[in-house]
Amino acid sequence: DLYAVGAQECSYQKEEGEWFNYVQEYLGKDYLTLASMQLWDITVIVLCRKKCLLKVTNVEGSTKATLHKEKCGMKGAAGICLRYHNTSMAFVSCHLAARLERSKMRKINIEEIVNQIQ
């Protein structure tokens, strides 16, 4: 009944919203976009089956750019939180620093993201 799709480095789009439109068209007319968030080339979209729309409440979105931009570029996350029936959900798409030697930085970035998107 719910779909969440996230991507990083999705700069292939030719115009604003092209990626979101593609996901919407793929799922068809039975689904509506609840929310979408974008930070640079990091995106997340949440869609809901129309017949379940009234079961979804408290939809919120947030983005978080992580520190360390000078060391590893545009990193961060886009997230969407919601409540479906009595269940709270969070969908987060992250783009974190690569390479084994940056694992400590990734851990710090994840903590930043989780604290921001809560």
PDB file of N, CA and C in Angstrom:
ATOM      1  N   ASP A   1       0.799  -1.206   0.000  1.00  0.00           N
ATOM      2  CA  ASP A   1       0.000   0.000   0.000  1.00  0.00           C
ATOM      3  C   ASP A   1       0.842   1.271   0.000  1.00  0.00           C
ATOM      4  N   LEU A   2       2.069   1.186   0.520  1.00  0.00           N
ATOM      5  CA  LEU A   2       3.008   2.313   0.515  1.00  0.00           C
ATOM      6  C   LEU A   2       4.268   1.918  -0.238  1.00  0.00           C
ATOM      7  N   TYR A   3       4.808   2.849  -0.979  1.00  0.00           N
ATOM      8  CA  TYR A   3       6.106   2.684  -1.617  1.00  0.00           C
ATOM      9  C   TYR A   3       6.981   3.863  -1.256  1.00  0.00           C
ATOM     10  N   ALA A   4       8.229   3.577  -0.910  1.00  0.00           N
ATOM     11  CA  ALA A   4       9.227   4.627  -0.701  1.00  0.00           C
ATOM     12  C   ALA A   4      10.401   4.295  -1.613  1.00  0.00           C
ATOM     13  N   VAL A   5      10.812   5.271  -2.410  1.00  0.00           N
ATOM     14  CA  VAL A   5      11.917   5.068  -3.343  1.00  0.00           C
ATOM     15  C   VAL A   5      12.927   6.180  -3.120  1.00  0.00           C
ATOM     16  N   GLY A   6      14.180   5.798  -2.941  1.00  0.00           N
ATOM     17  CA  GLY A   6      15.238   6.782  -2.740  1.00  0.00           C
ATOM     18  C   GLY A   6      16.382   6.551  -3.703  1.00  0.00           C
ATOM     19  N   ALA A   7      17.126   7.603  -3.983  1.00  0.00           N
ATOM     20  CA  ALA A   7      18.283   7.498  -4.875  1.00  0.00           C
ATOM     21  C   ALA A   7      19.301   8.574  -4.511  1.00  0.00           C
ATOM     22  N   GLN A   8      20.554   8.267  -4.831  1.00  0.00           N
ATOM     23  CA  GLN A   8      21.604   9.284  -4.714  1.00  0.00           C
ATOM     24  C   GLN A   8      22.262   9.422  -6.080  1.00  0.00           C
ATOM     25  N   GLU A   9      22.950  10.515  -6.271  1.00  0.00           N
ATOM     26  CA  GLU A   9      23.637  10.813  -7.520  1.00  0.00           C
ATOM     27  C   GLU A   9      22.689  10.677  -8.712  1.00  0.00           C
ATOM     28  N   CYS A  10      21.489  11.197  -8.560  1.00  0.00           N
ATOM     29  CA  CYS A  10      20.491  11.086  -9.635  1.00  0.00           C
ATOM     30  C   CYS A  10      20.417  12.387 -10.435  1.00  0.00           C
ATOM     31  N   SER A  11      21.558  12.872 -10.826  1.00  0.00           N
ATOM     32  CA  SER A  11      21.608  14.129 -11.576  1.00  0.00           C
ATOM     33  C   SER A  11      21.321  13.931 -13.059  1.00  0.00           C
ATOM     34  N   TYR A  12      20.885  12.740 -13.450  1.00  0.00           N
ATOM     35  CA  TYR A  12      20.564  12.466 -14.836  1.00  0.00           C
ATOM     36  C   TYR A  12      19.299  13.175 -15.307  1.00  0.00           C
ATOM     37  N   GLN A  13      18.473  13.635 -14.384  1.00  0.00           N
ATOM     38  CA  GLN A  13      17.200  14.232 -14.779  1.00  0.00           C
ATOM     39  C   GLN A  13      17.419  15.500 -15.594  1.00  0.00           C
ATOM     40  N   LYS A  14      16.570  15.670 -16.593  1.00  0.00           N
ATOM     41  CA  LYS A  14      16.692  16.816 -17.487  1.00  0.00           C
ATOM     42  C   LYS A  14      15.970  18.042 -16.952  1.00  0.00           C
ATOM     43  N   GLU A  15      14.927  17.825 -16.190  1.00  0.00           N
ATOM     44  CA  GLU A  15      14.165  18.950 -15.654  1.00  0.00           C
ATOM     45  C   GLU A  15      13.657  18.608 -14.255  1.00  0.00           C
ATOM     46  N   GLU A  16      13.319  19.619 -13.497  1.00  0.00           N
ATOM     47  CA  GLU A  16      12.824  19.462 -12.122  1.00  0.00           C
ATOM     48  C   GLU A  16      11.626  18.520 -12.085  1.00  0.00           C
ATOM     49  N   GLY A  17      11.650  17.559 -11.209  1.00  0.00           N
ATOM     50  CA  GLY A  17      10.510  16.656 -11.034  1.00  0.00           C
ATOM     51  C   GLY A  17      10.455  15.479 -11.985  1.00  0.00           C
ATOM     52  N   GLU A  18      11.389  15.372 -12.915  1.00  0.00           N
ATOM     53  CA  GLU A  18      11.342  14.290 -13.906  1.00  0.00           C
ATOM     54  C   GLU A  18      11.389  12.910 -13.243  1.00  0.00           C
ATOM     55  N   TRP A  19      12.259  12.758 -12.254  1.00  0.00           N
ATOM     56  CA  TRP A  19      12.409  11.472 -11.557  1.00  0.00           C
ATOM     57  C   TRP A  19      11.131  11.118 -10.806  1.00  0.00           C
ATOM     58  N   PHE A  20      10.549  12.098 -10.105  1.00  0.00           N
ATOM     59  CA  PHE A  20       9.316  11.864  -9.360  1.00  0.00           C
ATOM     60  C   PHE A  20       8.178  11.482 -10.302  1.00  0.00           C
ATOM     61  N   ASN A  21       8.087  12.145 -11.437  1.00  0.00           N
ATOM     62  CA  ASN A  21       7.049  11.831 -12.417  1.00  0.00           C
ATOM     63  C   ASN A  21       7.208  10.410 -12.947  1.00  0.00           C
ATOM     64  N   TYR A  22       8.444   9.980 -13.164  1.00  0.00           N
ATOM     65  CA  TYR A  22       8.696   8.626 -13.645  1.00  0.00           C
ATOM     66  C   TYR A  22       8.183   7.585 -12.641  1.00  0.00           C
ATOM     67  N   VAL A  23       8.486   7.770 -11.363  1.00  0.00           N
ATOM     68  CA  VAL A  23       8.034   6.831 -10.335  1.00  0.00           C
ATOM     69  C   VAL A  23       6.508   6.813 -10.278  1.00  0.00           C
ATOM     70  N   GLN A  24       5.883   7.968 -10.304  1.00  0.00           N
ATOM     71  CA  GLN A  24       4.418   8.073 -10.276  1.00  0.00           C
ATOM     72  C   GLN A  24       3.806   7.345 -11.471  1.00  0.00           C
ATOM     73  N   GLU A  25       4.336   7.558 -12.651  1.00  0.00           N
ATOM     74  CA  GLU A  25       3.803   6.913 -13.850  1.00  0.00           C
ATOM     75  C   GLU A  25       3.997   5.401 -13.791  1.00  0.00           C
ATOM     76  N   TYR A  26       5.114   4.942 -13.252  1.00  0.00           N
ATOM     77  CA  TYR A  26       5.396   3.510 -13.160  1.00  0.00           C
ATOM     78  C   TYR A  26       4.365   2.806 -12.268  1.00  0.00           C
ATOM     79  N   LEU A  27       4.026   3.405 -11.131  1.00  0.00           N
ATOM     80  CA  LEU A  27       3.069   2.783 -10.220  1.00  0.00           C
ATOM     81  C   LEU A  27       1.625   2.915 -10.697  1.00  0.00           C
ATOM     82  N   GLY A  28       1.342   3.923 -11.481  1.00  0.00           N
ATOM     83  CA  GLY A  28       0.020   4.059 -12.073  1.00  0.00           C
ATOM     84  C   GLY A  28      -0.918   4.966 -11.305  1.00  0.00           C
ATOM     85  N   LYS A  29      -2.149   5.024 -11.804  1.00  0.00           N
ATOM     86  CA  LYS A  29      -3.150   5.959 -11.293  1.00  0.00           C
ATOM     87  C   LYS A  29      -3.719   5.573  -9.934  1.00  0.00           C
ATOM     88  N   ASP A  30      -3.464   4.352  -9.467  1.00  0.00           N
ATOM     89  CA  ASP A  30      -3.959   3.933  -8.151  1.00  0.00           C
ATOM     90  C   ASP A  30      -3.134   4.520  -7.013  1.00  0.00           C
ATOM     91  N   TYR A  31      -1.995   5.161  -7.333  1.00  0.00           N
ATOM     92  CA  TYR A  31      -1.105   5.695  -6.305  1.00  0.00           C
ATOM     93  C   TYR A  31      -0.992   7.202  -6.401  1.00  0.00           C
ATOM     94  N   LEU A  32      -0.879   7.836  -5.224  1.00  0.00           N
ATOM     95  CA  LEU A  32      -0.660   9.278  -5.128  1.00  0.00           C
ATOM     96  C   LEU A  32       0.658   9.524  -4.399  1.00  0.00           C
ATOM     97  N   THR A  33       1.330  10.599  -4.764  1.00  0.00           N
ATOM     98  CA  THR A  33       2.541  10.988  -4.061  1.00  0.00           C
ATOM     99  C   THR A  33       2.155  11.650  -2.741  1.00  0.00           C
ATOM    100  N   LEU A  34       2.610  11.066  -1.628  1.00  0.00           N
ATOM    101  CA  LEU A  34       2.373  11.662  -0.308  1.00  0.00           C
ATOM    102  C   LEU A  34       3.353  12.790  -0.051  1.00  0.00           C
ATOM    103  N   ALA A  35       4.617  12.523  -0.364  1.00  0.00           N
ATOM    104  CA  ALA A  35       5.660  13.521  -0.114  1.00  0.00           C
ATOM    105  C   ALA A  35       6.890  13.173  -0.929  1.00  0.00           C
ATOM    106  N   SER A  36       7.676  14.176  -1.214  1.00  0.00           N
ATOM    107  CA  SER A  36       8.969  13.972  -1.855  1.00  0.00           C
ATOM    108  C   SER A  36       9.926  15.028  -1.313  1.00  0.00           C
ATOM    109  N   MET A  37      11.174  14.626  -1.167  1.00  0.00           N
ATOM    110  CA  MET A  37      12.204  15.527  -0.665  1.00  0.00           C
ATOM    111  C   MET A  37      13.434  15.368  -1.542  1.00  0.00           C
ATOM    112  N   GLN A  38      14.173  16.467  -1.671  1.00  0.00           N
ATOM    113  CA  GLN A  38      15.389  16.431  -2.472  1.00  0.00           C
ATOM    114  C   GLN A  38      16.439  17.334  -1.846  1.00  0.00           C
ATOM    115  N   LEU A  39      17.658  16.833  -1.796  1.00  0.00           N
ATOM    116  CA  LEU A  39      18.818  17.608  -1.362  1.00  0.00           C
ATOM    117  C   LEU A  39      19.915  17.331  -2.364  1.00  0.00           C
ATOM    118  N   TRP A  40      20.273  18.320  -3.144  1.00  0.00           N
ATOM    119  CA  TRP A  40      21.232  18.153  -4.237  1.00  0.00           C
ATOM    120  C   TRP A  40      20.781  17.003  -5.127  1.00  0.00           C
ATOM    121  N   ASP A  41      21.575  15.950  -5.241  1.00  0.00           N
ATOM    122  CA  ASP A  41      21.218  14.799  -6.072  1.00  0.00           C
ATOM    123  C   ASP A  41      20.747  13.613  -5.227  1.00  0.00           C
ATOM    124  N   ILE A  42      20.251  13.887  -4.023  1.00  0.00           N
ATOM    125  CA  ILE A  42      19.707  12.867  -3.131  1.00  0.00           C
ATOM    126  C   ILE A  42      18.195  13.064  -3.106  1.00  0.00           C
ATOM    127  N   THR A  43      17.445  12.014  -3.396  1.00  0.00           N
ATOM    128  CA  THR A  43      15.991  12.153  -3.452  1.00  0.00           C
ATOM    129  C   THR A  43      15.289  11.005  -2.727  1.00  0.00           C
ATOM    130  N   VAL A  44      14.096  11.277  -2.260  1.00  0.00           N
ATOM    131  CA  VAL A  44      13.216  10.250  -1.700  1.00  0.00           C
ATOM    132  C   VAL A  44      11.779  10.663  -2.015  1.00  0.00           C
ATOM    133  N   ILE A  45      10.970   9.667  -2.362  1.00  0.00           N
ATOM    134  CA  ILE A  45       9.557   9.906  -2.652  1.00  0.00           C
ATOM    135  C   ILE A  45       8.750   8.796  -1.978  1.00  0.00           C
ATOM    136  N   VAL A  46       7.612   9.153  -1.398  1.00  0.00           N
ATOM    137  CA  VAL A  46       6.719   8.171  -0.774  1.00  0.00           C
ATOM    138  C   VAL A  46       5.362   8.283  -1.461  1.00  0.00           C
ATOM    139  N   LEU A  47       4.869   7.144  -1.907  1.00  0.00           N
ATOM    140  CA  LEU A  47       3.576   7.088  -2.583  1.00  0.00           C
ATOM    141  C   LEU A  47       2.645   6.141  -1.838  1.00  0.00           C
ATOM    142  N   CYS A  48       1.346   6.399  -1.936  1.00  0.00           N
ATOM    143  CA  CYS A  48       0.342   5.624  -1.213  1.00  0.00           C
ATOM    144  C   CYS A  48      -0.785   5.233  -2.167  1.00  0.00           C
ATOM    145  N   ARG A  49      -1.279   4.022  -2.013  1.00  0.00           N
ATOM    146  CA  ARG A  49      -2.453   3.605  -2.774  1.00  0.00           C
ATOM    147  C   ARG A  49      -3.625   4.507  -2.361  1.00  0.00           C
ATOM    148  N   LYS A  50      -4.376   4.991  -3.326  1.00  0.00           N
ATOM    149  CA  LYS A  50      -5.462   5.945  -3.061  1.00  0.00           C
ATOM    150  C   LYS A  50      -6.442   5.444  -1.999  1.00  0.00           C
ATOM    151  N   LYS A  51      -6.793   4.159  -2.040  1.00  0.00           N
ATOM    152  CA  LYS A  51      -7.790   3.644  -1.104  1.00  0.00           C
ATOM    153  C   LYS A  51      -7.285   3.608   0.336  1.00  0.00           C
ATOM    154  N   CYS A  52      -5.968   3.793   0.540  1.00  0.00           N
ATOM    155  CA  CYS A  52      -5.377   3.771   1.887  1.00  0.00           C
ATOM    156  C   CYS A  52      -5.004   5.163   2.383  1.00  0.00           C
ATOM    157  N   LEU A  53      -5.292   6.170   1.616  1.00  0.00           N
ATOM    158  CA  LEU A  53      -4.839   7.532   1.907  1.00  0.00           C
ATOM    159  C   LEU A  53      -5.286   8.030   3.281  1.00  0.00           C
ATOM    160  N   LEU A  54      -6.487   7.710   3.704  1.00  0.00           N
ATOM    161  CA  LEU A  54      -6.984   8.196   4.991  1.00  0.00           C
ATOM    162  C   LEU A  54      -6.342   7.494   6.189  1.00  0.00           C
ATOM    163  N   LYS A  55      -5.574   6.453   5.939  1.00  0.00           N
ATOM    164  CA  LYS A  55      -4.873   5.731   7.009  1.00  0.00           C
ATOM    165  C   LYS A  55      -3.508   6.354   7.314  1.00  0.00           C
ATOM    166  N   VAL A  56      -3.106   7.344   6.520  1.00  0.00           N
ATOM    167  CA  VAL A  56      -1.796   7.978   6.667  1.00  0.00           C
ATOM    168  C   VAL A  56      -1.969   9.349   7.309  1.00  0.00           C
ATOM    169  N   THR A  57      -1.175   9.607   8.360  1.00  0.00           N
ATOM    170  CA  THR A  57      -1.201  10.909   9.040  1.00  0.00           C
ATOM    171  C   THR A  57       0.222  11.362   9.332  1.00  0.00           C
ATOM    172  N   ASN A  58       0.338  12.587   9.781  1.00  0.00           N
ATOM    173  CA  ASN A  58       1.608  13.157  10.271  1.00  0.00           C
ATOM    174  C   ASN A  58       2.759  13.019   9.271  1.00  0.00           C
ATOM    175  N   VAL A  59       2.523  13.353   8.041  1.00  0.00           N
ATOM    176  CA  VAL A  59       3.568  13.278   7.013  1.00  0.00           C
ATOM    177  C   VAL A  59       4.460  14.511   7.133  1.00  0.00           C
ATOM    178  N   GLU A  60       5.752  14.286   7.311  1.00  0.00           N
ATOM    179  CA  GLU A  60       6.728  15.374   7.419  1.00  0.00           C
ATOM    180  C   GLU A  60       7.982  15.010   6.653  1.00  0.00           C
ATOM    181  N   GLY A  61       8.637  16.016   6.127  1.00  0.00           N
ATOM    182  CA  GLY A  61       9.886  15.789   5.416  1.00  0.00           C
ATOM    183  C   GLY A  61      10.990  16.664   5.957  1.00  0.00           C
ATOM    184  N   SER A  62      12.233  16.216   5.720  1.00  0.00           N
ATOM    185  CA  SER A  62      13.375  16.976   6.205  1.00  0.00           C
ATOM    186  C   SER A  62      14.603  16.619   5.384  1.00  0.00           C
ATOM    187  N   THR A  63      15.537  17.543   5.328  1.00  0.00           N
ATOM    188  CA  THR A  63      16.827  17.272   4.696  1.00  0.00           C
ATOM    189  C   THR A  63      17.938  17.645   5.663  1.00  0.00           C
ATOM    190  N   LYS A  64      19.086  17.037   5.472  1.00  0.00           N
ATOM    191  CA  LYS A  64      20.237  17.344   6.315  1.00  0.00           C
ATOM    192  C   LYS A  64      21.509  17.242   5.483  1.00  0.00           C
ATOM    193  N   ALA A  65      22.161  18.359   5.314  1.00  0.00           N
ATOM    194  CA  ALA A  65      23.492  18.360   4.700  1.00  0.00           C
ATOM    195  C   ALA A  65      24.498  18.054   5.806  1.00  0.00           C
ATOM    196  N   THR A  66      25.383  17.119   5.556  1.00  0.00           N
ATOM    197  CA  THR A  66      26.356  16.778   6.585  1.00  0.00           C
ATOM    198  C   THR A  66      27.542  17.736   6.520  1.00  0.00           C
ATOM    199  N   LEU A  67      28.279  17.808   7.614  1.00  0.00           N
ATOM    200  CA  LEU A  67      29.482  18.643   7.668  1.00  0.00           C
ATOM    201  C   LEU A  67      30.538  18.012   6.751  1.00  0.00           C
ATOM    202  N   HIS A  68      31.719  18.347   6.764  1.00  0.00           N
ATOM    203  CA  HIS A  68      32.798  17.727   5.976  1.00  0.00           C
ATOM    204  C   HIS A  68      32.626  17.885   4.468  1.00  0.00           C
ATOM    205  N   LYS A  69      31.887  18.879   3.995  1.00  0.00           N
ATOM    206  CA  LYS A  69      31.726  19.064   2.555  1.00  0.00           C
ATOM    207  C   LYS A  69      33.062  19.259   1.858  1.00  0.00           C
ATOM    208  N   GLU A  70      34.000  19.888   2.539  1.00  0.00           N
ATOM    209  CA  GLU A  70      35.292  20.154   1.924  1.00  0.00           C
ATOM    210  C   GLU A  70      36.096  18.875   1.696  1.00  0.00           C
ATOM    211  N   LYS A  71      35.825  17.822   2.473  1.00  0.00           N
ATOM    212  CA  LYS A  71      36.587  16.573   2.343  1.00  0.00           C
ATOM    213  C   LYS A  71      35.961  15.600   1.361  1.00  0.00           C
ATOM    214  N   CYS A  72      34.648  15.584   1.272  1.00  0.00           N
ATOM    215  CA  CYS A  72      34.024  14.543   0.445  1.00  0.00           C
ATOM    216  C   CYS A  72      32.814  15.029  -0.343  1.00  0.00           C
ATOM    217  N   GLY A  73      32.687  16.300  -0.580  1.00  0.00           N
ATOM    218  CA  GLY A  73      31.638  16.803  -1.461  1.00  0.00           C
ATOM    219  C   GLY A  73      30.264  16.911  -0.833  1.00  0.00           C
ATOM    220  N   MET A  74      29.259  16.912  -1.689  1.00  0.00           N
ATOM    221  CA  MET A  74      27.874  17.121  -1.287  1.00  0.00           C
ATOM    222  C   MET A  74      27.277  15.834  -0.729  1.00  0.00           C
ATOM    223  N   LYS A  75      27.305  15.699   0.559  1.00  0.00           N
ATOM    224  CA  LYS A  75      26.781  14.505   1.224  1.00  0.00           C
ATOM    225  C   LYS A  75      25.663  14.912   2.173  1.00  0.00           C
ATOM    226  N   GLY A  76      24.779  13.978   2.471  1.00  0.00           N
ATOM    227  CA  GLY A  76      23.689  14.266   3.380  1.00  0.00           C
ATOM    228  C   GLY A  76      22.549  13.296   3.188  1.00  0.00           C
ATOM    229  N   ALA A  77      21.334  13.746   3.511  1.00  0.00           N
ATOM    230  CA  ALA A  77      20.174  12.866   3.431  1.00  0.00           C
ATOM    231  C   ALA A  77      18.895  13.665   3.219  1.00  0.00           C
ATOM    232  N   ALA A  78      17.916  12.968   2.668  1.00  0.00           N
ATOM    233  CA  ALA A  78      16.553  13.474   2.550  1.00  0.00           C
ATOM    234  C   ALA A  78      15.655  12.417   3.173  1.00  0.00           C
ATOM    235  N   GLY A  79      14.722  12.844   4.021  1.00  0.00           N
ATOM    236  CA  GLY A  79      13.888  11.867   4.719  1.00  0.00           C
ATOM    237  C   GLY A  79      12.441  12.286   4.804  1.00  0.00           C
ATOM    238  N   ILE A  80      11.579  11.285   4.932  1.00  0.00           N
ATOM    239  CA  ILE A  80      10.141  11.497   5.094  1.00  0.00           C
ATOM    240  C   ILE A  80       9.657  10.583   6.213  1.00  0.00           C
ATOM    241  N   CYS A  81       8.943  11.179   7.169  1.00  0.00           N
ATOM    242  CA  CYS A  81       8.362  10.422   8.282  1.00  0.00           C
ATOM    243  C   CYS A  81       6.843  10.472   8.152  1.00  0.00           C
ATOM    244  N   LEU A  82       6.178   9.403   8.598  1.00  0.00           N
ATOM    245  CA  LEU A  82       4.726   9.368   8.560  1.00  0.00           C
ATOM    246  C   LEU A  82       4.207   8.336   9.550  1.00  0.00           C
ATOM    247  N   ARG A  83       2.906   8.340   9.706  1.00  0.00           N
ATOM    248  CA  ARG A  83       2.238   7.352  10.550  1.00  0.00           C
ATOM    249  C   ARG A  83       1.210   6.644   9.673  1.00  0.00           C
ATOM    250  N   TYR A  84       1.259   5.314   9.630  1.00  0.00           N
ATOM    251  CA  TYR A  84       0.329   4.491   8.858  1.00  0.00           C
ATOM    252  C   TYR A  84      -0.399   3.591   9.846  1.00  0.00           C
ATOM    253  N   HIS A  85      -1.697   3.760   9.978  1.00  0.00           N
ATOM    254  CA  HIS A  85      -2.473   3.140  11.066  1.00  0.00           C
ATOM    255  C   HIS A  85      -1.847   3.602  12.382  1.00  0.00           C
ATOM    256  N   ASN A  86      -1.323   2.685  13.166  1.00  0.00           N
ATOM    257  CA  ASN A  86      -0.684   3.046  14.435  1.00  0.00           C
ATOM    258  C   ASN A  86       0.825   2.841  14.395  1.00  0.00           C
ATOM    259  N   THR A  87       1.397   2.798  13.212  1.00  0.00           N
ATOM    260  CA  THR A  87       2.820   2.532  13.062  1.00  0.00           C
ATOM    261  C   THR A  87       3.539   3.757  12.519  1.00  0.00           C
ATOM    262  N   SER A  88       4.563   4.206  13.233  1.00  0.00           N
ATOM    263  CA  SER A  88       5.397   5.315  12.759  1.00  0.00           C
ATOM    264  C   SER A  88       6.467   4.761  11.829  1.00  0.00           C
ATOM    265  N   MET A  89       6.723   5.474  10.741  1.00  0.00           N
ATOM    266  CA  MET A  89       7.717   5.042   9.756  1.00  0.00           C
ATOM    267  C   MET A  89       8.583   6.224   9.354  1.00  0.00           C
ATOM    268  N   ALA A  90       9.825   5.909   9.018  1.00  0.00           N
ATOM    269  CA  ALA A  90      10.735   6.920   8.479  1.00  0.00           C
ATOM    270  C   ALA A  90      11.466   6.315   7.291  1.00  0.00           C
ATOM    271  N   PHE A  91      11.528   7.065   6.209  1.00  0.00           N
ATOM    272  CA  PHE A  91      12.225   6.641   5.000  1.00  0.00           C
ATOM    273  C   PHE A  91      13.314   7.666   4.731  1.00  0.00           C
ATOM    274  N   VAL A  92      14.553   7.211   4.670  1.00  0.00           N
ATOM    275  CA  VAL A  92      15.692   8.118   4.528  1.00  0.00           C
ATOM    276  C   VAL A  92      16.573   7.641   3.385  1.00  0.00           C
ATOM    277  N   SER A  93      16.914   8.549   2.506  1.00  0.00           N
ATOM    278  CA  SER A  93      17.871   8.282   1.436  1.00  0.00           C
ATOM    279  C   SER A  93      19.135   9.072   1.757  1.00  0.00           C
ATOM    280  N   CYS A  94      20.258   8.381   1.887  1.00  0.00           N
ATOM    281  CA  CYS A  94      21.524   9.018   2.288  1.00  0.00           C
ATOM    282  C   CYS A  94      22.582   8.882   1.207  1.00  0.00           C
ATOM    283  N   HIS A  95      23.447   9.844   1.156  1.00  0.00           N
ATOM    284  CA  HIS A  95      24.659   9.760   0.350  1.00  0.00           C
ATOM    285  C   HIS A  95      25.804  10.089   1.298  1.00  0.00           C
ATOM    286  N   LEU A  96      26.597   9.069   1.594  1.00  0.00           N
ATOM    287  CA  LEU A  96      27.668   9.203   2.587  1.00  0.00           C
ATOM    288  C   LEU A  96      29.037   9.052   1.929  1.00  0.00           C
ATOM    289  N   ALA A  97      30.052   9.414   2.666  1.00  0.00           N
ATOM    290  CA  ALA A  97      31.428   9.336   2.171  1.00  0.00           C
ATOM    291  C   ALA A  97      31.807   7.888   1.854  1.00  0.00           C
ATOM    292  N   ALA A  98      32.517   7.700   0.774  1.00  0.00           N
ATOM    293  CA  ALA A  98      32.972   6.378   0.348  1.00  0.00           C
ATOM    294  C   ALA A  98      34.324   6.036   0.986  1.00  0.00           C
ATOM    295  N   ARG A  99      34.739   4.820   0.805  1.00  0.00           N
ATOM    296  CA  ARG A  99      36.056   4.290   1.214  1.00  0.00           C
ATOM    297  C   ARG A  99      36.083   3.891   2.691  1.00  0.00           C
ATOM    298  N   LEU A 100      36.826   2.847   2.946  1.00  0.00           N
ATOM    299  CA  LEU A 100      36.957   2.284   4.280  1.00  0.00           C
ATOM    300  C   LEU A 100      37.533   3.288   5.273  1.00  0.00           C
ATOM    301  N   GLU A 101      38.496   4.079   4.846  1.00  0.00           N
ATOM    302  CA  GLU A 101      39.130   5.031   5.767  1.00  0.00           C
ATOM    303  C   GLU A 101      38.188   6.149   6.227  1.00  0.00           C
ATOM    304  N   ARG A 102      37.026   6.268   5.602  1.00  0.00           N
ATOM    305  CA  ARG A 102      36.057   7.290   6.009  1.00  0.00           C
ATOM    306  C   ARG A 102      34.892   6.707   6.819  1.00  0.00           C
ATOM    307  N   SER A 103      35.050   5.499   7.343  1.00  0.00           N
ATOM    308  CA  SER A 103      33.951   4.879   8.092  1.00  0.00           C
ATOM    309  C   SER A 103      33.629   5.647   9.375  1.00  0.00           C
ATOM    310  N   LYS A 104      34.638   6.218  10.018  1.00  0.00           N
ATOM    311  CA  LYS A 104      34.396   7.022  11.217  1.00  0.00           C
ATOM    312  C   LYS A 104      33.568   8.267  10.866  1.00  0.00           C
ATOM    313  N   MET A 105      33.888   8.888   9.732  1.00  0.00           N
ATOM    314  CA  MET A 105      33.142  10.061   9.262  1.00  0.00           C
ATOM    315  C   MET A 105      31.700   9.673   8.934  1.00  0.00           C
ATOM    316  N   ARG A 106      31.509   8.497   8.312  1.00  0.00           N
ATOM    317  CA  ARG A 106      30.151   8.044   8.002  1.00  0.00           C
ATOM    318  C   ARG A 106      29.322   7.869   9.270  1.00  0.00           C
ATOM    319  N   LYS A 107      29.936   7.298  10.305  1.00  0.00           N
ATOM    320  CA  LYS A 107      29.230   7.097  11.578  1.00  0.00           C
ATOM    321  C   LYS A 107      28.785   8.447  12.157  1.00  0.00           C
ATOM    322  N   ILE A 108      29.668   9.429  12.123  1.00  0.00           N
ATOM    323  CA  ILE A 108      29.323  10.774  12.607  1.00  0.00           C
ATOM    324  C   ILE A 108      28.195  11.364  11.765  1.00  0.00           C
ATOM    325  N   ASN A 109      28.285  11.204  10.448  1.00  0.00           N
ATOM    326  CA  ASN A 109      27.252  11.728   9.551  1.00  0.00           C
ATOM    327  C   ASN A 109      25.901  11.075   9.793  1.00  0.00           C
ATOM    328  N   ILE A 110      25.888   9.772  10.034  1.00  0.00           N
ATOM    329  CA  ILE A 110      24.627   9.079  10.309  1.00  0.00           C
ATOM    330  C   ILE A 110      23.997   9.605  11.591  1.00  0.00           C
ATOM    331  N   GLU A 111      24.816   9.844  12.610  1.00  0.00           N
ATOM    332  CA  GLU A 111      24.302  10.405  13.865  1.00  0.00           C
ATOM    333  C   GLU A 111      23.710  11.800  13.622  1.00  0.00           C
ATOM    334  N   GLU A 112      24.383  12.632  12.825  1.00  0.00           N
ATOM    335  CA  GLU A 112      23.852  13.962  12.470  1.00  0.00           C
ATOM    336  C   GLU A 112      22.491  13.841  11.794  1.00  0.00           C
ATOM    337  N   ILE A 113      22.418  12.924  10.829  1.00  0.00           N
ATOM    338  CA  ILE A 113      21.189  12.752  10.033  1.00  0.00           C
ATOM    339  C   ILE A 113      20.040  12.283  10.917  1.00  0.00           C
ATOM    340  N   VAL A 114      20.289  11.264  11.740  1.00  0.00           N
ATOM    341  CA  VAL A 114      19.230  10.730  12.604  1.00  0.00           C
ATOM    342  C   VAL A 114      18.751  11.787  13.593  1.00  0.00           C
ATOM    343  N   ASN A 115      19.654  12.556  14.157  1.00  0.00           N
ATOM    344  CA  ASN A 115      19.265  13.613  15.105  1.00  0.00           C
ATOM    345  C   ASN A 115      18.447  14.706  14.419  1.00  0.00           C
ATOM    346  N   GLN A 116      18.757  15.025  13.176  1.00  0.00           N
ATOM    347  CA  GLN A 116      18.039  16.076  12.449  1.00  0.00           C
ATOM    348  C   GLN A 116      16.650  15.616  12.001  1.00  0.00           C
ATOM    349  N   ILE A 117      16.551  14.389  11.532  1.00  0.00           N
ATOM    350  CA  ILE A 117      15.320  13.940  10.900  1.00  0.00           C
ATOM    351  C   ILE A 117      14.303  13.411  11.918  1.00  0.00           C
ATOM    352  N   GLN A 118      14.675  13.240  13.159  1.00  0.00           N
ATOM    353  CA  GLN A 118      13.747  12.715  14.169  1.00  0.00           C
ATOM    354  C   GLN A 118      12.516  13.571  14.316  1.00  0.00           C
TER     355      GLN A 118
END
